[in-house]
Amino acid sequence: MCVEIPSRVVLVKHNQAKIKQGEHSCWVDISAIDEEVKEGDYLITYQNIAVNKVPQKEIEELLALIGDLPEHHH
């Protein structure tokens, strides 16, 4: 089972958004998202395509939950 963690949008240009998760960042296609995507939004992506924009309330709850988890080192 795969669990996707939303990535934060740091820049939007046309149908592309630069997303960041931790130290990793990349560009993704946002043309499949029906609503406006702007800096600060969070997206679920699959193979460099944004498939869902996560509502702000859900992000706040998720970030609070993740903040309560102990750090894992590999």
Protein backbone atom coordinates (compact mmCIF):
# COMPACT_ATOMS: atom_id res chain seq x y z
CA MET A 1 0.00 0.00 0.00
CA CYS A 2 1.27 3.47 -0.89
CA VAL A 3 0.59 6.52 1.21
CA GLU A 4 1.08 9.85 -0.49
CA ILE A 5 2.11 12.84 1.59
CA PRO A 6 0.96 16.15 0.16
CA SER A 7 3.63 18.44 -1.25
CA ARG A 8 3.58 22.24 -0.84
CA VAL A 9 3.40 24.43 -3.94
CA VAL A 10 6.24 26.97 -4.00
CA LEU A 11 5.78 28.38 -7.53
CA VAL A 12 3.17 28.25 -10.30
CA LYS A 13 3.83 28.88 -14.00
CA HIS A 14 1.03 28.22 -16.48
CA ASN A 15 0.04 24.54 -16.12
CA GLN A 16 3.09 23.65 -14.00
CA ALA A 17 3.73 23.94 -10.29
CA LYS A 18 7.00 23.55 -8.44
CA ILE A 19 6.34 21.50 -5.32
CA LYS A 20 8.53 20.88 -2.31
CA GLN A 21 8.54 18.11 0.26
CA GLY A 22 11.36 18.35 2.74
CA GLU A 23 14.55 18.99 0.75
CA HIS A 24 13.13 17.53 -2.48
CA SER A 25 11.46 19.72 -5.11
CA CYS A 26 10.22 19.13 -8.65
CA TRP A 27 7.84 20.44 -11.29
CA VAL A 28 4.45 18.79 -11.78
CA ASP A 29 1.67 19.17 -14.34
CA ILE A 30 -1.41 20.78 -12.73
CA SER A 31 -3.70 20.77 -15.78
CA ALA A 32 -5.85 17.97 -14.28
CA ILE A 33 -6.75 20.13 -11.24
CA ASP A 34 -10.10 21.88 -11.78
CA GLU A 35 -9.58 24.65 -9.23
CA GLU A 36 -6.93 27.37 -9.06
CA VAL A 37 -3.56 26.24 -7.73
CA LYS A 38 -1.48 28.88 -5.98
CA GLU A 39 1.66 29.16 -3.87
CA GLY A 40 1.11 27.63 -0.44
CA ASP A 41 -1.44 25.04 -1.63
CA TYR A 42 -0.78 21.34 -1.10
CA LEU A 43 -1.07 18.74 -3.86
CA ILE A 44 -1.18 14.97 -4.10
CA THR A 45 0.88 13.90 -7.10
CA TYR A 46 1.55 10.73 -9.07
CA GLN A 47 4.46 10.50 -11.51
CA ASN A 48 4.83 14.30 -11.81
CA ILE A 49 1.11 14.89 -12.34
CA ALA A 50 -1.00 16.62 -9.69
CA VAL A 51 -4.12 14.54 -9.09
CA ASN A 52 -5.70 16.33 -6.15
CA LYS A 53 -5.55 19.62 -4.29
CA VAL A 54 -5.84 19.05 -0.55
CA PRO A 55 -8.21 21.35 1.38
CA GLN A 56 -6.46 23.64 3.89
CA LYS A 57 -8.35 22.16 6.87
CA GLU A 58 -7.12 18.65 6.01
CA ILE A 59 -3.55 19.94 5.65
CA GLU A 60 -3.65 21.56 9.08
CA GLU A 61 -4.91 18.30 10.64
CA LEU A 62 -2.31 16.21 8.78
CA LEU A 63 0.59 18.50 9.68
CA ALA A 64 -0.49 18.42 13.34
CA LEU A 65 -0.56 14.61 13.21
CA ILE A 66 2.82 14.36 11.50
CA GLY A 67 4.28 16.80 14.01
CA ASP A 68 3.29 14.39 16.79
CA LEU A 69 5.15 11.44 15.21
CA PRO A 70 8.68 10.60 16.29
CA GLU A 71 11.35 11.18 13.64
CA HIS A 72 12.59 8.10 11.80
CA HIS A 73 16.18 7.86 10.63
CA HIS A 74 17.19 5.45 7.85
